[in-house]
């Protein structure tokens, strides 16, 4: 088992000695890295991985994710089970225009205001923060749902219209955290998963979230009815 930083430990380990000359050079071409449960303390060398799209760095001892600042092509970032207390400020996140899935659960986040920096992630669809101190804050879901406008799922539930539209009283099936809105979009990691497997998994998760919303969002249901009515009306006139 490897410990410490990627650069120091992975490149000096005897089993990796034949990669020493190329590993740093090749990092700019990495699209997928998976370092789960390796007791790593730093992400320092990922600053060179400018092509990175899927990053799994869960169940380690990470406290600082600033080295990811140049990974502007990230689609999925899994940092759950670390020791992170603070997220980087807005400039770090504003460039992550492709980021769709962000797993931050089981960390040490305590300040809701700090989490709101994610509001600049214009395409973030799903976020996890359960088992963090911040998830116990009053109004936690309300604040995040109405700060991160692109968000469709938070923790174990797809976001309901009731959470977005203030003072809208809906029937039980459409209420916040109704069982119909439940979806575990952070399944256990599969051993030996490839980059293609991860991309397919991301697409599948997003598709399921959209399907749940389509069946349990009154706004989307009404929009669908109206579009259908207008199409039928148009064809009758032709």
C-alpha atoms as a PDB file:
ATOM      1  CA  UNK A   1       0.000   0.000   0.000  1.00  0.00           C
ATOM      2  CA  UNK A   2       1.292   3.437  -0.955  1.00  0.00           C
ATOM      3  CA  UNK A   3       1.386   6.303   1.546  1.00  0.00           C
ATOM      4  CA  UNK A   4       2.150  10.014   1.376  1.00  0.00           C
ATOM      5  CA  UNK A   5       2.223  12.001  -1.846  1.00  0.00           C
ATOM      6  CA  UNK A   6       1.885  10.703  -5.377  1.00  0.00           C
ATOM      7  CA  UNK A   7       5.214  12.104  -6.497  1.00  0.00           C
ATOM      8  CA  UNK A   8       7.352  10.948  -3.611  1.00  0.00           C
ATOM      9  CA  UNK A   9       5.831   7.556  -2.897  1.00  0.00           C
ATOM     10  CA  UNK A  10       4.588   6.260  -6.236  1.00  0.00           C
ATOM     11  CA  UNK A  11       7.637   7.298  -8.239  1.00  0.00           C
ATOM     12  CA  UNK A  12      10.170   5.960  -5.718  1.00  0.00           C
ATOM     13  CA  UNK A  13       8.487   2.650  -4.961  1.00  0.00           C
ATOM     14  CA  UNK A  14      10.532  -0.247  -6.394  1.00  0.00           C
ATOM     15  CA  UNK A  15       7.576  -1.604  -8.361  1.00  0.00           C
ATOM     16  CA  UNK A  16       7.261   1.735 -10.168  1.00  0.00           C
ATOM     17  CA  UNK A  17      10.964   2.390 -10.773  1.00  0.00           C
ATOM     18  CA  UNK A  18      10.710   1.749 -14.521  1.00  0.00           C
ATOM     19  CA  UNK A  19       8.111   4.520 -14.783  1.00  0.00           C
ATOM     20  CA  UNK A  20      10.180   7.168 -13.027  1.00  0.00           C
ATOM     21  CA  UNK A  21      11.419   8.885 -16.174  1.00  0.00           C
ATOM     22  CA  UNK A  22       7.999   9.177 -17.780  1.00  0.00           C
ATOM     23  CA  UNK A  23       5.402   9.457 -15.038  1.00  0.00           C
ATOM     24  CA  UNK A  24       5.625  13.236 -14.574  1.00  0.00           C
ATOM     25  CA  UNK A  25       5.834  13.891 -18.314  1.00  0.00           C
ATOM     26  CA  UNK A  26       2.829  11.687 -19.058  1.00  0.00           C
ATOM     27  CA  UNK A  27       0.592  13.173 -16.375  1.00  0.00           C
ATOM     28  CA  UNK A  28      -0.536  15.938 -18.705  1.00  0.00           C
ATOM     29  CA  UNK A  29      -2.276  13.226 -20.760  1.00  0.00           C
ATOM     30  CA  UNK A  30      -4.074  11.509 -17.866  1.00  0.00           C
ATOM     31  CA  UNK A  31      -7.866  11.505 -18.280  1.00  0.00           C
ATOM     32  CA  UNK A  32      -8.649   9.151 -15.380  1.00  0.00           C
ATOM     33  CA  UNK A  33      -6.964   8.673 -12.011  1.00  0.00           C
ATOM     34  CA  UNK A  34      -8.157   6.462  -9.182  1.00  0.00           C
ATOM     35  CA  UNK A  35      -6.395   6.510  -5.825  1.00  0.00           C
ATOM     36  CA  UNK A  36      -8.934   5.129  -3.362  1.00  0.00           C
ATOM     37  CA  UNK A  37      -8.022   4.196   0.192  1.00  0.00           C
ATOM     38  CA  UNK A  38      -4.258   4.560  -0.193  1.00  0.00           C
ATOM     39  CA  UNK A  39      -3.731   6.850   2.832  1.00  0.00           C
ATOM     40  CA  UNK A  40      -2.469   9.627   0.554  1.00  0.00           C
ATOM     41  CA  UNK A  41      -1.938  13.037   2.140  1.00  0.00           C
ATOM     42  CA  UNK A  42      -1.385  15.221  -0.915  1.00  0.00           C
ATOM     43  CA  UNK A  43      -2.587  15.735  -4.475  1.00  0.00           C
ATOM     44  CA  UNK A  44       0.384  17.924  -5.342  1.00  0.00           C
ATOM     45  CA  UNK A  45       1.367  16.345  -8.647  1.00  0.00           C
ATOM     46  CA  UNK A  46      -2.123  16.405 -10.188  1.00  0.00           C
ATOM     47  CA  UNK A  47      -1.480  20.039 -11.070  1.00  0.00           C
ATOM     48  CA  UNK A  48       0.133  18.724 -14.263  1.00  0.00           C
ATOM     49  CA  UNK A  49      -2.875  16.592 -15.246  1.00  0.00           C
ATOM     50  CA  UNK A  50      -4.534  19.212 -17.412  1.00  0.00           C
ATOM     51  CA  UNK A  51      -6.503  16.630 -19.438  1.00  0.00           C
ATOM     52  CA  UNK A  52      -8.013  14.971 -16.359  1.00  0.00           C
ATOM     53  CA  UNK A  53     -11.736  14.212 -16.655  1.00  0.00           C
ATOM     54  CA  UNK A  54     -12.425  11.689 -13.903  1.00  0.00           C
ATOM     55  CA  UNK A  55     -10.641  11.974 -10.562  1.00  0.00           C
ATOM     56  CA  UNK A  56     -11.301   9.510  -7.737  1.00  0.00           C
ATOM     57  CA  UNK A  57      -9.307  10.362  -4.633  1.00  0.00           C
ATOM     58  CA  UNK A  58     -11.609   8.989  -1.946  1.00  0.00           C
ATOM     59  CA  UNK A  59     -10.872   7.602   1.518  1.00  0.00           C
ATOM     60  CA  UNK A  60      -7.465   9.200   1.964  1.00  0.00           C
ATOM     61  CA  UNK A  61      -6.068  11.952   4.230  1.00  0.00           C
ATOM     62  CA  UNK A  62      -6.377  14.872   1.820  1.00  0.00           C
ATOM     63  CA  UNK A  63      -6.844  18.353   3.322  1.00  0.00           C
ATOM     64  CA  UNK A  64      -6.023  20.593   0.341  1.00  0.00           C
ATOM     65  CA  UNK A  65      -7.401  20.236  -3.208  1.00  0.00           C
ATOM     66  CA  UNK A  66      -5.770  23.351  -4.658  1.00  0.00           C
ATOM     67  CA  UNK A  67      -3.471  21.235  -6.908  1.00  0.00           C
ATOM     68  CA  UNK A  68      -6.558  20.490  -9.019  1.00  0.00           C
ATOM     69  CA  UNK A  69      -6.825  24.126 -10.096  1.00  0.00           C
ATOM     70  CA  UNK A  70      -5.486  23.374 -13.585  1.00  0.00           C
ATOM     71  CA  UNK A  71      -7.752  20.358 -14.166  1.00  0.00           C
ATOM     72  CA  UNK A  72     -10.356  22.368 -16.053  1.00  0.00           C
ATOM     73  CA  UNK A  73     -11.782  19.395 -17.955  1.00  0.00           C
ATOM     74  CA  UNK A  74     -13.027  17.523 -14.884  1.00  0.00           C
ATOM     75  CA  UNK A  75     -16.436  15.886 -15.258  1.00  0.00           C
ATOM     76  CA  UNK A  76     -16.467  13.814 -12.080  1.00  0.00           C
ATOM     77  CA  UNK A  77     -14.565  14.561  -8.873  1.00  0.00           C
ATOM     78  CA  UNK A  78     -14.805  12.107  -5.980  1.00  0.00           C
ATOM     79  CA  UNK A  79     -13.175  13.336  -2.771  1.00  0.00           C
ATOM     80  CA  UNK A  80     -15.369  11.634  -0.197  1.00  0.00           C
ATOM     81  CA  UNK A  81     -13.867  10.211   2.969  1.00  0.00           C
ATOM     82  CA  UNK A  82     -11.011  12.693   3.363  1.00  0.00           C
ATOM     83  CA  UNK A  83     -10.178  15.408   5.919  1.00  0.00           C
ATOM     84  CA  UNK A  84     -11.077  18.506   3.917  1.00  0.00           C
ATOM     85  CA  UNK A  85     -12.365  21.421   6.004  1.00  0.00           C
ATOM     86  CA  UNK A  86     -12.501  24.222   3.437  1.00  0.00           C
ATOM     87  CA  UNK A  87     -13.152  24.463  -0.276  1.00  0.00           C
ATOM     88  CA  UNK A  88     -10.969  26.734  -2.427  1.00  0.00           C
ATOM     89  CA  UNK A  89     -12.435  30.130  -3.274  1.00  0.00           C
ATOM     90  CA  UNK A  90     -14.466  31.076  -6.365  1.00  0.00           C
ATOM     91  CA  UNK A  91     -11.545  31.371  -8.875  1.00  0.00           C
ATOM     92  CA  UNK A  92     -10.827  27.655  -8.403  1.00  0.00           C
ATOM     93  CA  UNK A  93     -14.366  26.574  -9.315  1.00  0.00           C
ATOM     94  CA  UNK A  94     -15.327  29.068 -11.994  1.00  0.00           C
ATOM     95  CA  UNK A  95     -13.168  27.312 -14.582  1.00  0.00           C
ATOM     96  CA  UNK A  96     -14.716  23.882 -13.970  1.00  0.00           C
ATOM     97  CA  UNK A  97     -17.428  24.318 -16.574  1.00  0.00           C
ATOM     98  CA  UNK A  98     -17.624  20.585 -17.330  1.00  0.00           C
ATOM     99  CA  UNK A  99     -17.928  19.392 -13.724  1.00  0.00           C
ATOM    100  CA  UNK A 100     -21.182  17.463 -13.304  1.00  0.00           C
ATOM    101  CA  UNK A 101     -20.695  15.093 -10.354  1.00  0.00           C
ATOM    102  CA  UNK A 102     -19.000  16.172  -7.121  1.00  0.00           C
ATOM    103  CA  UNK A 103     -18.737  13.814  -4.151  1.00  0.00           C
ATOM    104  CA  UNK A 104     -17.669  15.538  -0.931  1.00  0.00           C
ATOM    105  CA  UNK A 105     -19.472  13.488   1.722  1.00  0.00           C
ATOM    106  CA  UNK A 106     -17.717  12.266   4.859  1.00  0.00           C
ATOM    107  CA  UNK A 107     -15.387  15.262   5.122  1.00  0.00           C
ATOM    108  CA  UNK A 108     -15.033  17.998   7.763  1.00  0.00           C
ATOM    109  CA  UNK A 109     -16.895  20.895   6.100  1.00  0.00           C
ATOM    110  CA  UNK A 110     -18.630  23.010   8.741  1.00  0.00           C
ATOM    111  CA  UNK A 111     -19.392  26.387   7.112  1.00  0.00           C
ATOM    112  CA  UNK A 112     -22.333  26.639   4.747  1.00  0.00           C
ATOM    113  CA  UNK A 113     -21.063  29.914   3.302  1.00  0.00           C
ATOM    114  CA  UNK A 114     -17.883  28.198   2.138  1.00  0.00           C
ATOM    115  CA  UNK A 115     -19.867  25.494   0.287  1.00  0.00           C
ATOM    116  CA  UNK A 116     -21.776  28.202  -1.586  1.00  0.00           C
ATOM    117  CA  UNK A 117     -18.660  28.938  -3.668  1.00  0.00           C
ATOM    118  CA  UNK A 118     -19.897  26.024  -5.787  1.00  0.00           C
ATOM    119  CA  UNK A 119     -22.589  28.327  -7.158  1.00  0.00           C
ATOM    120  CA  UNK A 120     -20.171  29.283  -9.957  1.00  0.00           C
ATOM    121  CA  UNK A 121     -20.043  25.668 -11.217  1.00  0.00           C
ATOM    122  CA  UNK A 122     -22.476  26.307 -14.049  1.00  0.00           C
ATOM    123  CA  UNK A 123     -23.072  22.652 -14.972  1.00  0.00           C
ATOM    124  CA  UNK A 124     -22.902  20.884 -11.611  1.00  0.00           C
ATOM    125  CA  UNK A 125     -25.756  18.366 -11.520  1.00  0.00           C
ATOM    126  CA  UNK A 126     -25.180  16.207  -8.433  1.00  0.00           C
ATOM    127  CA  UNK A 127     -23.479  16.964  -5.114  1.00  0.00           C
ATOM    128  CA  UNK A 128     -22.986  14.970  -1.908  1.00  0.00           C
ATOM    129  CA  UNK A 129     -22.222  16.430   1.507  1.00  0.00           C
ATOM    130  CA  UNK A 130     -23.940  13.994   3.872  1.00  0.00           C
ATOM    131  CA  UNK A 131     -21.951  12.902   6.927  1.00  0.00           C
ATOM    132  CA  UNK A 132     -20.295  16.334   7.022  1.00  0.00           C
ATOM    133  CA  UNK A 133     -20.953  18.761   9.910  1.00  0.00           C
ATOM    134  CA  UNK A 134     -22.384  21.296   7.446  1.00  0.00           C
ATOM    135  CA  UNK A 135     -25.210  18.908   6.518  1.00  0.00           C
ATOM    136  CA  UNK A 136     -26.594  19.348  10.055  1.00  0.00           C
ATOM    137  CA  UNK A 137     -26.991  23.113   9.625  1.00  0.00           C
ATOM    138  CA  UNK A 138     -30.523  24.487   9.651  1.00  0.00           C
ATOM    139  CA  UNK A 139     -31.680  25.255   6.117  1.00  0.00           C
ATOM    140  CA  UNK A 140     -28.754  23.337   4.621  1.00  0.00           C
ATOM    141  CA  UNK A 141     -30.653  21.948   1.617  1.00  0.00           C
ATOM    142  CA  UNK A 142     -32.618  25.154   1.037  1.00  0.00           C
ATOM    143  CA  UNK A 143     -29.477  27.309   0.907  1.00  0.00           C
ATOM    144  CA  UNK A 144     -27.533  25.021  -1.426  1.00  0.00           C
ATOM    145  CA  UNK A 145     -30.434  24.255  -3.758  1.00  0.00           C
ATOM    146  CA  UNK A 146     -31.098  27.959  -4.224  1.00  0.00           C
ATOM    147  CA  UNK A 147     -27.424  28.890  -4.530  1.00  0.00           C
ATOM    148  CA  UNK A 148     -26.301  26.266  -7.055  1.00  0.00           C
ATOM    149  CA  UNK A 149     -28.907  26.785  -9.773  1.00  0.00           C
ATOM    150  CA  UNK A 150     -27.789  23.932 -12.014  1.00  0.00           C
ATOM    151  CA  UNK A 151     -28.068  21.372  -9.198  1.00  0.00           C
ATOM    152  CA  UNK A 152     -30.566  18.534  -9.714  1.00  0.00           C
ATOM    153  CA  UNK A 153     -29.618  16.148  -6.903  1.00  0.00           C
ATOM    154  CA  UNK A 154     -28.245  16.703  -3.401  1.00  0.00           C
ATOM    155  CA  UNK A 155     -27.138  13.817  -1.215  1.00  0.00           C
ATOM    156  CA  UNK A 156     -29.581  10.925  -1.591  1.00  0.00           C
ATOM    157  CA  UNK A 157     -32.475  12.797  -3.211  1.00  0.00           C
ATOM    158  CA  UNK A 158     -33.301  14.529  -6.463  1.00  0.00           C
ATOM    159  CA  UNK A 159     -34.320  18.138  -5.839  1.00  0.00           C
ATOM    160  CA  UNK A 160     -38.060  18.776  -5.701  1.00  0.00           C
ATOM    161  CA  UNK A 161     -39.951  21.769  -7.107  1.00  0.00           C
ATOM    162  CA  UNK A 162     -41.015  22.540  -3.534  1.00  0.00           C
ATOM    163  CA  UNK A 163     -37.390  23.323  -2.673  1.00  0.00           C
ATOM    164  CA  UNK A 164     -37.029  25.726  -5.587  1.00  0.00           C
ATOM    165  CA  UNK A 165     -40.357  27.551  -5.611  1.00  0.00           C
ATOM    166  CA  UNK A 166     -40.942  29.270  -2.295  1.00  0.00           C
ATOM    167  CA  UNK A 167     -44.241  28.708  -0.433  1.00  0.00           C
ATOM    168  CA  UNK A 168     -45.545  26.234  -3.010  1.00  0.00           C
ATOM    169  CA  UNK A 169     -47.479  23.536  -1.170  1.00  0.00           C
ATOM    170  CA  UNK A 170     -47.462  20.317  -3.167  1.00  0.00           C
ATOM    171  CA  UNK A 171     -49.092  16.885  -2.734  1.00  0.00           C
ATOM    172  CA  UNK A 172     -47.078  14.328  -0.776  1.00  0.00           C
ATOM    173  CA  UNK A 173     -45.588  12.586  -3.838  1.00  0.00           C
ATOM    174  CA  UNK A 174     -43.901  15.827  -4.923  1.00  0.00           C
ATOM    175  CA  UNK A 175     -42.595  16.913  -1.509  1.00  0.00           C
ATOM    176  CA  UNK A 176     -38.947  17.305  -0.549  1.00  0.00           C
ATOM    177  CA  UNK A 177     -37.106  14.017   0.045  1.00  0.00           C
ATOM    178  CA  UNK A 178     -40.139  11.935  -0.878  1.00  0.00           C
ATOM    179  CA  UNK A 179     -39.145   8.264  -1.491  1.00  0.00           C
ATOM    180  CA  UNK A 180     -39.968   8.774  -5.182  1.00  0.00           C
ATOM    181  CA  UNK A 181     -37.074  11.252  -5.306  1.00  0.00           C
ATOM    182  CA  UNK A 182     -34.565   8.935  -3.649  1.00  0.00           C
ATOM    183  CA  UNK A 183     -31.558   7.953  -5.734  1.00  0.00           C
ATOM    184  CA  UNK A 184     -28.170   6.694  -4.608  1.00  0.00           C
ATOM    185  CA  UNK A 185     -25.992   8.371  -7.237  1.00  0.00           C
ATOM    186  CA  UNK A 186     -22.716   7.545  -5.461  1.00  0.00           C
ATOM    187  CA  UNK A 187     -22.571   3.737  -5.663  1.00  0.00           C
ATOM    188  CA  UNK A 188     -19.632   1.695  -4.366  1.00  0.00           C
ATOM    189  CA  UNK A 189     -16.530   1.844  -6.537  1.00  0.00           C
ATOM    190  CA  UNK A 190     -16.040  -1.086  -8.882  1.00  0.00           C
ATOM    191  CA  UNK A 191     -12.674  -2.782  -8.880  1.00  0.00           C
ATOM    192  CA  UNK A 192     -10.946  -2.601 -12.236  1.00  0.00           C
ATOM    193  CA  UNK A 193     -13.302   0.024 -13.684  1.00  0.00           C
ATOM    194  CA  UNK A 194     -11.908   1.704 -16.810  1.00  0.00           C
ATOM    195  CA  UNK A 195     -12.255   5.263 -18.043  1.00  0.00           C
ATOM    196  CA  UNK A 196     -14.991   4.124 -20.439  1.00  0.00           C
ATOM    197  CA  UNK A 197     -16.831   2.463 -17.540  1.00  0.00           C
ATOM    198  CA  UNK A 198     -16.674   5.708 -15.567  1.00  0.00           C
ATOM    199  CA  UNK A 199     -17.967   7.826 -18.454  1.00  0.00           C
ATOM    200  CA  UNK A 200     -20.819   5.376 -19.046  1.00  0.00           C
ATOM    201  CA  UNK A 201     -21.574   5.458 -15.323  1.00  0.00           C
ATOM    202  CA  UNK A 202     -21.700   9.259 -15.319  1.00  0.00           C
ATOM    203  CA  UNK A 203     -24.081   9.304 -18.269  1.00  0.00           C
ATOM    204  CA  UNK A 204     -26.264   6.667 -16.623  1.00  0.00           C
ATOM    205  CA  UNK A 205     -26.465   8.631 -13.352  1.00  0.00           C
ATOM    206  CA  UNK A 206     -27.417  11.853 -15.137  1.00  0.00           C
ATOM    207  CA  UNK A 207     -30.006  10.008 -17.215  1.00  0.00           C
ATOM    208  CA  UNK A 208     -31.615   8.499 -14.102  1.00  0.00           C
ATOM    209  CA  UNK A 209     -31.703  11.874 -12.345  1.00  0.00           C
ATOM    210  CA  UNK A 210     -33.413  13.438 -15.363  1.00  0.00           C
ATOM    211  CA  UNK A 211     -35.906  10.565 -15.513  1.00  0.00           C
ATOM    212  CA  UNK A 212     -36.812  10.936 -11.840  1.00  0.00           C
ATOM    213  CA  UNK A 213     -37.307  14.669 -12.328  1.00  0.00           C
ATOM    214  CA  UNK A 214     -39.448  14.149 -15.425  1.00  0.00           C
ATOM    215  CA  UNK A 215     -41.843  11.939 -13.455  1.00  0.00           C
ATOM    216  CA  UNK A 216     -41.873  13.863 -10.173  1.00  0.00           C
ATOM    217  CA  UNK A 217     -41.591  17.547 -11.079  1.00  0.00           C
ATOM    218  CA  UNK A 218     -44.982  19.271 -11.553  1.00  0.00           C
ATOM    219  CA  UNK A 219     -43.261  22.038 -13.528  1.00  0.00           C
ATOM    220  CA  UNK A 220     -41.745  19.576 -16.009  1.00  0.00           C
ATOM    221  CA  UNK A 221     -44.982  17.588 -16.235  1.00  0.00           C
ATOM    222  CA  UNK A 222     -46.988  20.741 -17.022  1.00  0.00           C
ATOM    223  CA  UNK A 223     -44.394  21.845 -19.576  1.00  0.00           C
ATOM    224  CA  UNK A 224     -44.645  18.447 -21.251  1.00  0.00           C
ATOM    225  CA  UNK A 225     -48.451  18.716 -21.434  1.00  0.00           C
ATOM    226  CA  UNK A 226     -48.255  22.231 -22.891  1.00  0.00           C
ATOM    227  CA  UNK A 227     -45.704  21.197 -25.521  1.00  0.00           C
ATOM    228  CA  UNK A 228     -47.865  18.238 -26.466  1.00  0.00           C
ATOM    229  CA  UNK A 229     -50.960  20.430 -26.727  1.00  0.00           C
ATOM    230  CA  UNK A 230     -49.171  22.987 -28.922  1.00  0.00           C
ATOM    231  CA  UNK A 231     -47.809  20.271 -31.234  1.00  0.00           C
ATOM    232  CA  UNK A 232     -51.229  18.677 -31.629  1.00  0.00           C
ATOM    233  CA  UNK A 233     -52.799  22.080 -32.233  1.00  0.00           C
ATOM    234  CA  UNK A 234     -50.181  22.905 -34.868  1.00  0.00           C
ATOM    235  CA  UNK A 235     -50.733  19.657 -36.755  1.00  0.00           C
ATOM    236  CA  UNK A 236     -54.527  20.132 -36.741  1.00  0.00           C
ATOM    237  CA  UNK A 237     -54.075  23.518 -38.383  1.00  0.00           C
ATOM    238  CA  UNK A 238     -51.840  22.184 -41.154  1.00  0.00           C
END
